[in-house]
Amino acid sequence: MSKPAVVDGLSNLFDKFSGPALRAGHTSERICKLLEGGVSPSDIAALLQGNSAKGAKYTEAEVLAFGKLYQDARSKVGITTAQSRKLLKEAQKQEAIALALKQFYKDVKEQSYKLLSKDLA
C-alpha cells in the first residue's frame, strides 16, 4: 500500500469518528484547497452532493462561501462563543414570546366564537 493511500485511509477513519464540527472544518479546509488548486466550484458542489449522507444540494455560491469562511477563519473565529450564546438566548426569548402571542390569539378567537354563538342563540 502506498504512503498516500495509508494517509488517506487514516484521514478517512479519523473523519468517520470525528464530530460534525471537526468534519465541517475538514471539509471547509479541503474546499479551500480545491479552490486554490483551480478546481471549479461546480465540480466541488457536485462532489459535496454526491457525498452527502442527507441528500443535500450545493451551489457554486455555497462552495465559494465555504472557501471565504475558511479564509476568514485563518486569523480568528467568525462567531465567538459569547456571541453565539447571546444570540441563541435572544432567539429563545423571541420564540417564547411568539408562542405566547400565538396562544393568546387562539384564546381570543375561541372566546370570540363563544360570545358570537351566545349572541346568535
PDB file of N, CA and C in Angstrom:
ATOM      1  N   MET A   1       0.854  -1.169   0.000  1.00  0.00           N
ATOM      2  CA  MET A   1       0.000   0.000   0.000  1.00  0.00           C
ATOM      3  C   MET A   1       0.901   1.234   0.000  1.00  0.00           C
ATOM      4  N   SER A   2       0.604   2.194  -0.867  1.00  0.00           N
ATOM      5  CA  SER A   2       1.437   3.386  -0.972  1.00  0.00           C
ATOM      6  C   SER A   2       1.214   4.318   0.215  1.00  0.00           C
ATOM      7  N   LYS A   3       2.186   5.186   0.447  1.00  0.00           N
ATOM      8  CA  LYS A   3       2.101   6.120   1.571  1.00  0.00           C
ATOM      9  C   LYS A   3       0.861   7.024   1.473  1.00  0.00           C
ATOM     10  N   PRO A   4       0.562   7.623   0.278  1.00  0.00           N
ATOM     11  CA  PRO A   4      -0.664   8.436   0.188  1.00  0.00           C
ATOM     12  C   PRO A   4      -1.932   7.639   0.497  1.00  0.00           C
ATOM     13  N   ALA A   5      -1.970   6.373   0.101  1.00  0.00           N
ATOM     14  CA  ALA A   5      -3.151   5.544   0.370  1.00  0.00           C
ATOM     15  C   ALA A   5      -3.310   5.315   1.865  1.00  0.00           C
ATOM     16  N   VAL A   6      -2.208   5.104   2.563  1.00  0.00           N
ATOM     17  CA  VAL A   6      -2.257   4.917   4.018  1.00  0.00           C
ATOM     18  C   VAL A   6      -2.725   6.201   4.697  1.00  0.00           C
ATOM     19  N   VAL A   7      -2.164   7.336   4.271  1.00  0.00           N
ATOM     20  CA  VAL A   7      -2.552   8.628   4.847  1.00  0.00           C
ATOM     21  C   VAL A   7      -4.035   8.892   4.590  1.00  0.00           C
ATOM     22  N   ASP A   8      -4.487   8.629   3.358  1.00  0.00           N
ATOM     23  CA  ASP A   8      -5.909   8.820   3.034  1.00  0.00           C
ATOM     24  C   ASP A   8      -6.793   7.926   3.885  1.00  0.00           C
ATOM     25  N   GLY A   9      -6.381   6.687   4.056  1.00  0.00           N
ATOM     26  CA  GLY A   9      -7.164   5.747   4.863  1.00  0.00           C
ATOM     27  C   GLY A   9      -7.270   6.190   6.308  1.00  0.00           C
ATOM     28  N   LEU A  10      -6.148   6.622   6.877  1.00  0.00           N
ATOM     29  CA  LEU A  10      -6.160   7.103   8.266  1.00  0.00           C
ATOM     30  C   LEU A  10      -6.993   8.378   8.402  1.00  0.00           C
ATOM     31  N   SER A  11      -6.870   9.261   7.424  1.00  0.00           N
ATOM     32  CA  SER A  11      -7.650  10.501   7.448  1.00  0.00           C
ATOM     33  C   SER A  11      -9.144  10.203   7.375  1.00  0.00           C
ATOM     34  N   ASN A  12      -9.527   9.285   6.492  1.00  0.00           N
ATOM     35  CA  ASN A  12     -10.938   8.901   6.361  1.00  0.00           C
ATOM     36  C   ASN A  12     -11.461   8.263   7.643  1.00  0.00           C
ATOM     37  N   LEU A  13     -10.636   7.444   8.281  1.00  0.00           N
ATOM     38  CA  LEU A  13     -11.023   6.803   9.536  1.00  0.00           C
ATOM     39  C   LEU A  13     -11.223   7.859  10.626  1.00  0.00           C
ATOM     40  N   PHE A  14     -10.289   8.815  10.698  1.00  0.00           N
ATOM     41  CA  PHE A  14     -10.408   9.906  11.672  1.00  0.00           C
ATOM     42  C   PHE A  14     -11.688  10.705  11.428  1.00  0.00           C
ATOM     43  N   ASP A  15     -11.968  11.021  10.155  1.00  0.00           N
ATOM     44  CA  ASP A  15     -13.186  11.769   9.811  1.00  0.00           C
ATOM     45  C   ASP A  15     -14.440  11.019  10.231  1.00  0.00           C
ATOM     46  N   LYS A  16     -14.410   9.701  10.069  1.00  0.00           N
ATOM     47  CA  LYS A  16     -15.581   8.880  10.389  1.00  0.00           C
ATOM     48  C   LYS A  16     -15.940   8.973  11.872  1.00  0.00           C
ATOM     49  N   PHE A  17     -14.921   9.026  12.723  1.00  0.00           N
ATOM     50  CA  PHE A  17     -15.173   9.043  14.158  1.00  0.00           C
ATOM     51  C   PHE A  17     -15.152  10.442  14.761  1.00  0.00           C
ATOM     52  N   SER A  18     -14.970  11.462  13.942  1.00  0.00           N
ATOM     53  CA  SER A  18     -14.982  12.843  14.416  1.00  0.00           C
ATOM     54  C   SER A  18     -16.417  13.341  14.531  1.00  0.00           C
ATOM     55  N   GLY A  19     -16.590  14.408  15.280  1.00  0.00           N
ATOM     56  CA  GLY A  19     -17.905  15.036  15.381  1.00  0.00           C
ATOM     57  C   GLY A  19     -18.155  15.950  14.200  1.00  0.00           C
ATOM     58  N   PRO A  20     -19.375  16.469  14.093  1.00  0.00           N
ATOM     59  CA  PRO A  20     -19.723  17.308  12.949  1.00  0.00           C
ATOM     60  C   PRO A  20     -18.895  18.594  12.845  1.00  0.00           C
ATOM     61  N   ALA A  21     -18.478  19.163  13.976  1.00  0.00           N
ATOM     62  CA  ALA A  21     -17.687  20.401  13.917  1.00  0.00           C
ATOM     63  C   ALA A  21     -16.331  20.141  13.253  1.00  0.00           C
ATOM     64  N   LEU A  22     -15.690  19.041  13.637  1.00  0.00           N
ATOM     65  CA  LEU A  22     -14.402  18.706  13.012  1.00  0.00           C
ATOM     66  C   LEU A  22     -14.581  18.334  11.544  1.00  0.00           C
ATOM     67  N   ARG A  23     -15.618  17.554  11.244  1.00  0.00           N
ATOM     68  CA  ARG A  23     -15.845  17.168   9.840  1.00  0.00           C
ATOM     69  C   ARG A  23     -16.132  18.393   8.983  1.00  0.00           C
ATOM     70  N   ALA A  24     -16.918  19.333   9.513  1.00  0.00           N
ATOM     71  CA  ALA A  24     -17.219  20.557   8.768  1.00  0.00           C
ATOM     72  C   ALA A  24     -15.946  21.376   8.551  1.00  0.00           C
ATOM     73  N   GLY A  25     -15.107  21.445   9.584  1.00  0.00           N
ATOM     74  CA  GLY A  25     -13.847  22.163   9.446  1.00  0.00           C
ATOM     75  C   GLY A  25     -12.937  21.522   8.416  1.00  0.00           C
ATOM     76  N   HIS A  26     -12.838  20.194   8.455  1.00  0.00           N
ATOM     77  CA  HIS A  26     -12.011  19.487   7.474  1.00  0.00           C
ATOM     78  C   HIS A  26     -12.560  19.690   6.066  1.00  0.00           C
ATOM     79  N   THR A  27     -13.877  19.629   5.945  1.00  0.00           N
ATOM     80  CA  THR A  27     -14.496  19.811   4.634  1.00  0.00           C
ATOM     81  C   THR A  27     -14.229  21.218   4.113  1.00  0.00           C
ATOM     82  N   SER A  28     -14.365  22.225   4.974  1.00  0.00           N
ATOM     83  CA  SER A  28     -14.100  23.606   4.558  1.00  0.00           C
ATOM     84  C   SER A  28     -12.652  23.773   4.112  1.00  0.00           C
ATOM     85  N   GLU A  29     -11.742  23.176   4.865  1.00  0.00           N
ATOM     86  CA  GLU A  29     -10.321  23.262   4.502  1.00  0.00           C
ATOM     87  C   GLU A  29     -10.082  22.612   3.135  1.00  0.00           C
ATOM     88  N   ARG A  30     -10.677  21.467   2.913  1.00  0.00           N
ATOM     89  CA  ARG A  30     -10.490  20.770   1.636  1.00  0.00           C
ATOM     90  C   ARG A  30     -11.097  21.555   0.485  1.00  0.00           C
ATOM     91  N   ILE A  31     -12.251  22.167   0.730  1.00  0.00           N
ATOM     92  CA  ILE A  31     -12.876  23.010  -0.298  1.00  0.00           C
ATOM     93  C   ILE A  31     -11.937  24.150  -0.660  1.00  0.00           C
ATOM     94  N   CYS A  32     -11.382  24.796   0.363  1.00  0.00           N
ATOM     95  CA  CYS A  32     -10.467  25.912   0.132  1.00  0.00           C
ATOM     96  C   CYS A  32      -9.254  25.460  -0.670  1.00  0.00           C
ATOM     97  N   LYS A  33      -8.683  24.321  -0.319  1.00  0.00           N
ATOM     98  CA  LYS A  33      -7.517  23.808  -1.052  1.00  0.00           C
ATOM     99  C   LYS A  33      -7.879  23.480  -2.502  1.00  0.00           C
ATOM    100  N   LEU A  34      -9.071  22.920  -2.699  1.00  0.00           N
ATOM    101  CA  LEU A  34      -9.506  22.612  -4.065  1.00  0.00           C
ATOM    102  C   LEU A  34      -9.679  23.893  -4.877  1.00  0.00           C
ATOM    103  N   LEU A  35     -10.302  24.909  -4.271  1.00  0.00           N
ATOM    104  CA  LEU A  35     -10.481  26.187  -4.958  1.00  0.00           C
ATOM    105  C   LEU A  35      -9.131  26.807  -5.296  1.00  0.00           C
ATOM    106  N   GLU A  36      -8.217  26.800  -4.321  1.00  0.00           N
ATOM    107  CA  GLU A  36      -6.877  27.350  -4.553  1.00  0.00           C
ATOM    108  C   GLU A  36      -6.134  26.558  -5.625  1.00  0.00           C
ATOM    109  N   GLY A  37      -6.456  25.274  -5.754  1.00  0.00           N
ATOM    110  CA  GLY A  37      -5.831  24.411  -6.755  1.00  0.00           C
ATOM    111  C   GLY A  37      -6.451  24.521  -8.135  1.00  0.00           C
ATOM    112  N   GLY A  38      -7.481  25.355  -8.256  1.00  0.00           N
ATOM    113  CA  GLY A  38      -8.089  25.579  -9.562  1.00  0.00           C
ATOM    114  C   GLY A  38      -9.262  24.687  -9.900  1.00  0.00           C
ATOM    115  N   VAL A  39      -9.745  23.899  -8.947  1.00  0.00           N
ATOM    116  CA  VAL A  39     -10.919  23.054  -9.196  1.00  0.00           C
ATOM    117  C   VAL A  39     -12.153  23.965  -9.233  1.00  0.00           C
ATOM    118  N   SER A  40     -13.029  23.743 -10.168  1.00  0.00           N
ATOM    119  CA  SER A  40     -14.191  24.624 -10.326  1.00  0.00           C
ATOM    120  C   SER A  40     -15.194  24.426  -9.190  1.00  0.00           C
ATOM    121  N   PRO A  41     -15.852  25.521  -8.780  1.00  0.00           N
ATOM    122  CA  PRO A  41     -16.869  25.408  -7.720  1.00  0.00           C
ATOM    123  C   PRO A  41     -17.992  24.442  -8.078  1.00  0.00           C
ATOM    124  N   SER A  42     -18.338  24.347  -9.368  1.00  0.00           N
ATOM    125  CA  SER A  42     -19.406  23.417  -9.751  1.00  0.00           C
ATOM    126  C   SER A  42     -18.969  21.969  -9.554  1.00  0.00           C
ATOM    127  N   ASP A  43     -17.691  21.659  -9.820  1.00  0.00           N
ATOM    128  CA  ASP A  43     -17.194  20.303  -9.585  1.00  0.00           C
ATOM    129  C   ASP A  43     -17.172  19.982  -8.089  1.00  0.00           C
ATOM    130  N   ILE A  44     -16.799  20.970  -7.273  1.00  0.00           N
ATOM    131  CA  ILE A  44     -16.777  20.768  -5.822  1.00  0.00           C
ATOM    132  C   ILE A  44     -18.199  20.576  -5.303  1.00  0.00           C
ATOM    133  N   ALA A  45     -19.141  21.374  -5.820  1.00  0.00           N
ATOM    134  CA  ALA A  45     -20.546  21.238  -5.413  1.00  0.00           C
ATOM    135  C   ALA A  45     -21.065  19.842  -5.758  1.00  0.00           C
ATOM    136  N   ALA A  46     -20.717  19.361  -6.930  1.00  0.00           N
ATOM    137  CA  ALA A  46     -21.153  18.015  -7.338  1.00  0.00           C
ATOM    138  C   ALA A  46     -20.560  16.955  -6.411  1.00  0.00           C
ATOM    139  N   LEU A  47     -19.313  17.132  -6.019  1.00  0.00           N
ATOM    140  CA  LEU A  47     -18.661  16.186  -5.112  1.00  0.00           C
ATOM    141  C   LEU A  47     -19.349  16.199  -3.744  1.00  0.00           C
ATOM    142  N   LEU A  48     -19.645  17.397  -3.239  1.00  0.00           N
ATOM    143  CA  LEU A  48     -20.342  17.512  -1.951  1.00  0.00           C
ATOM    144  C   LEU A  48     -21.711  16.838  -2.010  1.00  0.00           C
ATOM    145  N   GLN A  49     -22.437  17.086  -3.078  1.00  0.00           N
ATOM    146  CA  GLN A  49     -23.758  16.475  -3.235  1.00  0.00           C
ATOM    147  C   GLN A  49     -23.652  14.958  -3.298  1.00  0.00           C
ATOM    148  N   GLY A  50     -22.698  14.472  -4.040  1.00  0.00           N
ATOM    149  CA  GLY A  50     -22.525  13.029  -4.179  1.00  0.00           C
ATOM    150  C   GLY A  50     -22.149  12.357  -2.863  1.00  0.00           C
ATOM    151  N   ASN A  51     -21.461  13.075  -1.993  1.00  0.00           N
ATOM    152  CA  ASN A  51     -21.020  12.515  -0.713  1.00  0.00           C
ATOM    153  C   ASN A  51     -21.987  12.798   0.436  1.00  0.00           C
ATOM    154  N   SER A  52     -23.022  13.580   0.183  1.00  0.00           N
ATOM    155  CA  SER A  52     -23.935  13.976   1.258  1.00  0.00           C
ATOM    156  C   SER A  52     -24.752  12.790   1.767  1.00  0.00           C
ATOM    157  N   ALA A  53     -24.651  12.550   3.065  1.00  0.00           N
ATOM    158  CA  ALA A  53     -25.428  11.479   3.688  1.00  0.00           C
ATOM    159  C   ALA A  53     -26.903  11.851   3.794  1.00  0.00           C
ATOM    160  N   LYS A  54     -27.201  13.141   3.713  1.00  0.00           N
ATOM    161  CA  LYS A  54     -28.574  13.627   3.863  1.00  0.00           C
ATOM    162  C   LYS A  54     -29.206  14.035   2.532  1.00  0.00           C
ATOM    163  N   GLY A  55     -28.485  13.868   1.436  1.00  0.00           N
ATOM    164  CA  GLY A  55     -29.016  14.258   0.131  1.00  0.00           C
ATOM    165  C   GLY A  55     -29.041  15.765  -0.074  1.00  0.00           C
ATOM    166  N   ALA A  56     -28.152  16.484   0.610  1.00  0.00           N
ATOM    167  CA  ALA A  56     -28.114  17.944   0.496  1.00  0.00           C
ATOM    168  C   ALA A  56     -27.664  18.357  -0.900  1.00  0.00           C
ATOM    169  N   LYS A  57     -28.178  19.469  -1.356  1.00  0.00           N
ATOM    170  CA  LYS A  57     -27.794  20.049  -2.638  1.00  0.00           C
ATOM    171  C   LYS A  57     -26.885  21.234  -2.356  1.00  0.00           C
ATOM    172  N   TYR A  58     -25.876  21.434  -3.184  1.00  0.00           N
ATOM    173  CA  TYR A  58     -24.929  22.535  -3.022  1.00  0.00           C
ATOM    174  C   TYR A  58     -24.817  23.319  -4.316  1.00  0.00           C
ATOM    175  N   THR A  59     -24.670  24.632  -4.176  1.00  0.00           N
ATOM    176  CA  THR A  59     -24.494  25.508  -5.331  1.00  0.00           C
ATOM    177  C   THR A  59     -23.048  26.004  -5.386  1.00  0.00           C
ATOM    178  N   GLU A  60     -22.677  26.567  -6.518  1.00  0.00           N
ATOM    179  CA  GLU A  60     -21.354  27.156  -6.654  1.00  0.00           C
ATOM    180  C   GLU A  60     -21.169  28.279  -5.630  1.00  0.00           C
ATOM    181  N   ALA A  61     -22.216  29.079  -5.420  1.00  0.00           N
ATOM    182  CA  ALA A  61     -22.134  30.192  -4.467  1.00  0.00           C
ATOM    183  C   ALA A  61     -21.877  29.682  -3.054  1.00  0.00           C
ATOM    184  N   GLU A  62     -22.499  28.568  -2.698  1.00  0.00           N
ATOM    185  CA  GLU A  62     -22.269  27.999  -1.363  1.00  0.00           C
ATOM    186  C   GLU A  62     -20.840  27.480  -1.230  1.00  0.00           C
ATOM    187  N   VAL A  63     -20.329  26.873  -2.276  1.00  0.00           N
ATOM    188  CA  VAL A  63     -18.950  26.391  -2.253  1.00  0.00           C
ATOM    189  C   VAL A  63     -18.000  27.567  -2.055  1.00  0.00           C
ATOM    190  N   LEU A  64     -18.240  28.650  -2.779  1.00  0.00           N
ATOM    191  CA  LEU A  64     -17.397  29.841  -2.630  1.00  0.00           C
ATOM    192  C   LEU A  64     -17.520  30.433  -1.230  1.00  0.00           C
ATOM    193  N   ALA A  65     -18.713  30.349  -0.645  1.00  0.00           N
ATOM    194  CA  ALA A  65     -18.907  30.849   0.725  1.00  0.00           C
ATOM    195  C   ALA A  65     -18.106  30.018   1.725  1.00  0.00           C
ATOM    196  N   PHE A  66     -18.056  28.700   1.529  1.00  0.00           N
ATOM    197  CA  PHE A  66     -17.228  27.850   2.397  1.00  0.00           C
ATOM    198  C   PHE A  66     -15.765  28.272   2.300  1.00  0.00           C
ATOM    199  N   GLY A  67     -15.313  28.523   1.077  1.00  0.00           N
ATOM    200  CA  GLY A  67     -13.938  28.962   0.875  1.00  0.00           C
ATOM    201  C   GLY A  67     -13.669  30.294   1.548  1.00  0.00           C
ATOM    202  N   LYS A  68     -14.622  31.193   1.437  1.00  0.00           N
ATOM    203  CA  LYS A  68     -14.496  32.517   2.067  1.00  0.00           C
ATOM    204  C   LYS A  68     -14.434  32.386   3.588  1.00  0.00           C
ATOM    205  N   LEU A  69     -15.306  31.551   4.145  1.00  0.00           N
ATOM    206  CA  LEU A  69     -15.325  31.330   5.588  1.00  0.00           C
ATOM    207  C   LEU A  69     -13.994  30.755   6.064  1.00  0.00           C
ATOM    208  N   TYR A  70     -13.487  29.784   5.347  1.00  0.00           N
ATOM    209  CA  TYR A  70     -12.219  29.174   5.747  1.00  0.00           C
ATOM    210  C   TYR A  70     -11.084  30.200   5.688  1.00  0.00           C
ATOM    211  N   GLN A  71     -11.050  30.986   4.625  1.00  0.00           N
ATOM    212  CA  GLN A  71     -10.009  32.013   4.508  1.00  0.00           C
ATOM    213  C   GLN A  71     -10.096  32.990   5.679  1.00  0.00           C
ATOM    214  N   ASP A  72     -11.304  33.391   6.018  1.00  0.00           N
ATOM    215  CA  ASP A  72     -11.504  34.337   7.119  1.00  0.00           C
ATOM    216  C   ASP A  72     -11.130  33.708   8.460  1.00  0.00           C
ATOM    217  N   ALA A  73     -11.395  32.418   8.608  1.00  0.00           N
ATOM    218  CA  ALA A  73     -11.127  31.732   9.874  1.00  0.00           C
ATOM    219  C   ALA A  73      -9.635  31.464  10.095  1.00  0.00           C
ATOM    220  N   ARG A  74      -8.820  31.723   9.108  1.00  0.00           N
ATOM    221  CA  ARG A  74      -7.378  31.533   9.289  1.00  0.00           C
ATOM    222  C   ARG A  74      -6.821  32.476  10.353  1.00  0.00           C
ATOM    223  N   SER A  75      -7.469  33.625  10.552  1.00  0.00           N
ATOM    224  CA  SER A  75      -6.951  34.603  11.515  1.00  0.00           C
ATOM    225  C   SER A  75      -7.717  34.610  12.836  1.00  0.00           C
ATOM    226  N   LYS A  76      -9.018  34.311  12.801  1.00  0.00           N
ATOM    227  CA  LYS A  76      -9.807  34.241  14.038  1.00  0.00           C
ATOM    228  C   LYS A  76     -11.159  33.622  13.735  1.00  0.00           C
ATOM    229  N   VAL A  77     -11.886  33.273  14.797  1.00  0.00           N
ATOM    230  CA  VAL A  77     -13.211  32.679  14.596  1.00  0.00           C
ATOM    231  C   VAL A  77     -14.183  33.752  14.107  1.00  0.00           C
ATOM    232  N   GLY A  78     -15.154  33.320  13.330  1.00  0.00           N
ATOM    233  CA  GLY A  78     -16.141  34.252  12.791  1.00  0.00           C
ATOM    234  C   GLY A  78     -17.210  34.629  13.802  1.00  0.00           C
ATOM    235  N   ILE A  79     -17.506  33.736  14.713  1.00  0.00           N
ATOM    236  CA  ILE A  79     -18.506  33.968  15.759  1.00  0.00           C
ATOM    237  C   ILE A  79     -17.934  33.412  17.054  1.00  0.00           C
ATOM    238  N   THR A  80     -17.835  34.255  18.060  1.00  0.00           N
ATOM    239  CA  THR A  80     -17.290  33.795  19.340  1.00  0.00           C
ATOM    240  C   THR A  80     -18.344  33.001  20.106  1.00  0.00           C
ATOM    241  N   THR A  81     -17.894  32.273  21.108  1.00  0.00           N
ATOM    242  CA  THR A  81     -18.805  31.508  21.957  1.00  0.00           C
ATOM    243  C   THR A  81     -19.786  32.440  22.650  1.00  0.00           C
ATOM    244  N   ALA A  82     -19.299  33.551  23.154  1.00  0.00           N
ATOM    245  CA  ALA A  82     -20.161  34.509  23.855  1.00  0.00           C
ATOM    246  C   ALA A  82     -21.218  35.079  22.910  1.00  0.00           C
ATOM    247  N   GLN A  83     -20.822  35.429  21.685  1.00  0.00           N
ATOM    248  CA  GLN A  83     -21.791  35.947  20.710  1.00  0.00           C
ATOM    249  C   GLN A  83     -22.841  34.904  20.378  1.00  0.00           C
ATOM    250  N   SER A  84     -22.411  33.681  20.196  1.00  0.00           N
ATOM    251  CA  SER A  84     -23.327  32.589  19.879  1.00  0.00           C
ATOM    252  C   SER A  84     -24.333  32.383  21.008  1.00  0.00           C
ATOM    253  N   ARG A  85     -23.829  32.334  22.223  1.00  0.00           N
ATOM    254  CA  ARG A  85     -24.695  32.140  23.397  1.00  0.00           C
ATOM    255  C   ARG A  85     -25.729  33.265  23.494  1.00  0.00           C
ATOM    256  N   LYS A  86     -25.279  34.499  23.294  1.00  0.00           N
ATOM    257  CA  LYS A  86     -26.173  35.659  23.399  1.00  0.00           C
ATOM    258  C   LYS A  86     -27.272  35.608  22.326  1.00  0.00           C
ATOM    259  N   LEU A  87     -26.881  35.296  21.093  1.00  0.00           N
ATOM    260  CA  LEU A  87     -27.871  35.222  20.012  1.00  0.00           C
ATOM    261  C   LEU A  87     -28.875  34.096  20.234  1.00  0.00           C
ATOM    262  N   LEU A  88     -28.381  32.942  20.703  1.00  0.00           N
ATOM    263  CA  LEU A  88     -29.292  31.829  20.981  1.00  0.00           C
ATOM    264  C   LEU A  88     -30.271  32.175  22.092  1.00  0.00           C
ATOM    265  N   LYS A  89     -29.786  32.841  23.128  1.00  0.00           N
ATOM    266  CA  LYS A  89     -30.647  33.242  24.243  1.00  0.00           C
ATOM    267  C   LYS A  89     -31.724  34.206  23.752  1.00  0.00           C
ATOM    268  N   GLU A  90     -31.331  35.153  22.915  1.00  0.00           N
ATOM    269  CA  GLU A  90     -32.289  36.123  22.366  1.00  0.00           C
ATOM    270  C   GLU A  90     -33.318  35.426  21.467  1.00  0.00           C
ATOM    271  N   ALA A  91     -32.861  34.475  20.666  1.00  0.00           N
ATOM    272  CA  ALA A  91     -33.777  33.741  19.787  1.00  0.00           C
ATOM    273  C   ALA A  91     -34.785  32.934  20.597  1.00  0.00           C
ATOM    274  N   GLN A  92     -34.328  32.341  21.705  1.00  0.00           N
ATOM    275  CA  GLN A  92     -35.229  31.576  22.568  1.00  0.00           C
ATOM    276  C   GLN A  92     -36.272  32.489  23.210  1.00  0.00           C
ATOM    277  N   LYS A  93     -35.847  33.694  23.606  1.00  0.00           N
ATOM    278  CA  LYS A  93     -36.806  34.664  24.158  1.00  0.00           C
ATOM    279  C   LYS A  93     -37.856  35.020  23.120  1.00  0.00           C
ATOM    280  N   GLN A  94     -37.390  35.292  21.885  1.00  0.00           N
ATOM    281  CA  GLN A  94     -38.314  35.665  20.818  1.00  0.00           C
ATOM    282  C   GLN A  94     -39.278  34.519  20.502  1.00  0.00           C
ATOM    283  N   GLU A  95     -38.788  33.298  20.532  1.00  0.00           N
ATOM    284  CA  GLU A  95     -39.643  32.139  20.270  1.00  0.00           C
ATOM    285  C   GLU A  95     -40.705  31.998  21.359  1.00  0.00           C
ATOM    286  N   ALA A  96     -40.307  32.221  22.610  1.00  0.00           N
ATOM    287  CA  ALA A  96     -41.255  32.131  23.723  1.00  0.00           C
ATOM    288  C   ALA A  96     -42.325  33.205  23.591  1.00  0.00           C
ATOM    289  N   ILE A  97     -41.922  34.400  23.201  1.00  0.00           N
ATOM    290  CA  ILE A  97     -42.885  35.489  23.002  1.00  0.00           C
ATOM    291  C   ILE A  97     -43.844  35.143  21.866  1.00  0.00           C
ATOM    292  N   ALA A  98     -43.311  34.617  20.782  1.00  0.00           N
ATOM    293  CA  ALA A  98     -44.147  34.255  19.637  1.00  0.00           C
ATOM    294  C   ALA A  98     -45.147  33.164  20.012  1.00  0.00           C
ATOM    295  N   LEU A  99     -44.709  32.179  20.775  1.00  0.00           N
ATOM    296  CA  LEU A  99     -45.631  31.115  21.209  1.00  0.00           C
ATOM    297  C   LEU A  99     -46.711  31.660  22.130  1.00  0.00           C
ATOM    298  N   ALA A 100     -46.337  32.563  23.034  1.00  0.00           N
ATOM    299  CA  ALA A 100     -47.317  33.161  23.942  1.00  0.00           C
ATOM    300  C   ALA A 100     -48.343  33.979  23.157  1.00  0.00           C
ATOM    301  N   LEU A 101     -47.888  34.743  22.173  1.00  0.00           N
ATOM    302  CA  LEU A 101     -48.812  35.535  21.345  1.00  0.00           C
ATOM    303  C   LEU A 101     -49.723  34.629  20.529  1.00  0.00           C
ATOM    304  N   LYS A 102     -49.186  33.561  20.013  1.00  0.00           N
ATOM    305  CA  LYS A 102     -49.996  32.617  19.242  1.00  0.00           C
ATOM    306  C   LYS A 102     -51.095  32.027  20.119  1.00  0.00           C
ATOM    307  N   GLN A 103     -50.751  31.641  21.331  1.00  0.00           N
ATOM    308  CA  GLN A 103     -51.729  31.093  22.252  1.00  0.00           C
ATOM    309  C   GLN A 103     -52.769  32.155  22.624  1.00  0.00           C
ATOM    310  N   PHE A 104     -52.307  33.379  22.844  1.00  0.00           N
ATOM    311  CA  PHE A 104     -53.210  34.475  23.190  1.00  0.00           C
ATOM    312  C   PHE A 104     -54.239  34.690  22.080  1.00  0.00           C
ATOM    313  N   TYR A 105     -53.782  34.765  20.814  1.00  0.00           N
ATOM    314  CA  TYR A 105     -54.698  34.971  19.699  1.00  0.00           C
ATOM    315  C   TYR A 105     -55.644  33.792  19.517  1.00  0.00           C
ATOM    316  N   LYS A 106     -55.168  32.590  19.794  1.00  0.00           N
ATOM    317  CA  LYS A 106     -56.021  31.407  19.718  1.00  0.00           C
ATOM    318  C   LYS A 106     -57.117  31.494  20.777  1.00  0.00           C
ATOM    319  N   ASP A 107     -56.735  31.886  21.993  1.00  0.00           N
ATOM    320  CA  ASP A 107     -57.715  32.029  23.076  1.00  0.00           C
ATOM    321  C   ASP A 107     -58.745  33.120  22.757  1.00  0.00           C
ATOM    322  N   VAL A 108     -58.284  34.244  22.232  1.00  0.00           N
ATOM    323  CA  VAL A 108     -59.183  35.346  21.862  1.00  0.00           C
ATOM    324  C   VAL A 108     -60.157  34.878  20.785  1.00  0.00           C
ATOM    325  N   LYS A 109     -59.683  34.149  19.826  1.00  0.00           N
ATOM    326  CA  LYS A 109     -60.526  33.645  18.744  1.00  0.00           C
ATOM    327  C   LYS A 109     -61.601  32.707  19.304  1.00  0.00           C
ATOM    328  N   GLU A 110     -61.189  31.800  20.193  1.00  0.00           N
ATOM    329  CA  GLU A 110     -62.142  30.870  20.788  1.00  0.00           C
ATOM    330  C   GLU A 110     -63.194  31.613  21.607  1.00  0.00           C
ATOM    331  N   GLN A 111     -62.767  32.591  22.388  1.00  0.00           N
ATOM    332  CA  GLN A 111     -63.706  33.373  23.194  1.00  0.00           C
ATOM    333  C   GLN A 111     -64.658  34.161  22.300  1.00  0.00           C
ATOM    334  N   SER A 112     -64.140  34.687  21.200  1.00  0.00           N
ATOM    335  CA  SER A 112     -64.983  35.432  20.267  1.00  0.00           C
ATOM    336  C   SER A 112     -66.066  34.538  19.682  1.00  0.00           C
ATOM    337  N   TYR A 113     -65.698  33.319  19.302  1.00  0.00           N
ATOM    338  CA  TYR A 113     -66.676  32.376  18.764  1.00  0.00           C
ATOM    339  C   TYR A 113     -67.743  32.039  19.797  1.00  0.00           C
ATOM    340  N   LYS A 114     -67.306  31.860  21.039  1.00  0.00           N
ATOM    341  CA  LYS A 114     -68.261  31.549  22.108  1.00  0.00           C
ATOM    342  C   LYS A 114     -69.237  32.700  22.306  1.00  0.00           C
ATOM    343  N   LEU A 115     -68.722  33.923  22.321  1.00  0.00           N
ATOM    344  CA  LEU A 115     -69.596  35.105  22.503  1.00  0.00           C
ATOM    345  C   LEU A 115     -70.529  35.247  21.329  1.00  0.00           C
ATOM    346  N   LEU A 116     -70.047  35.043  20.118  1.00  0.00           N
ATOM    347  CA  LEU A 116     -70.908  35.151  18.928  1.00  0.00           C
ATOM    348  C   LEU A 116     -71.980  34.067  18.932  1.00  0.00           C
ATOM    349  N   SER A 117     -71.612  32.883  19.383  1.00  0.00           N
ATOM    350  CA  SER A 117     -72.558  31.779  19.444  1.00  0.00           C
ATOM    351  C   SER A 117     -73.687  32.099  20.416  1.00  0.00           C
ATOM    352  N   LYS A 118     -73.339  32.705  21.563  1.00  0.00           N
ATOM    353  CA  LYS A 118     -74.370  33.084  22.552  1.00  0.00           C
ATOM    354  C   LYS A 118     -75.283  34.153  21.984  1.00  0.00           C
ATOM    355  N   ASP A 119     -74.690  35.143  21.270  1.00  0.00           N
ATOM    356  CA  ASP A 119     -75.492  36.232  20.695  1.00  0.00           C
ATOM    357  C   ASP A 119     -76.437  35.733  19.620  1.00  0.00           C
ATOM    358  N   LEU A 120     -76.030  34.743  18.874  1.00  0.00           N
ATOM    359  CA  LEU A 120     -76.840  34.226  17.785  1.00  0.00           C
ATOM    360  C   LEU A 120     -77.902  33.246  18.296  1.00  0.00           C
ATOM    361  N   ALA A 121     -77.722  32.720  19.480  1.00  0.00           N
ATOM    362  CA  ALA A 121     -78.655  31.724  20.005  1.00  0.00           C
ATOM    363  C   ALA A 121     -79.894  32.348  20.572  1.00  0.00           C
TER     364      ALA A 121
END
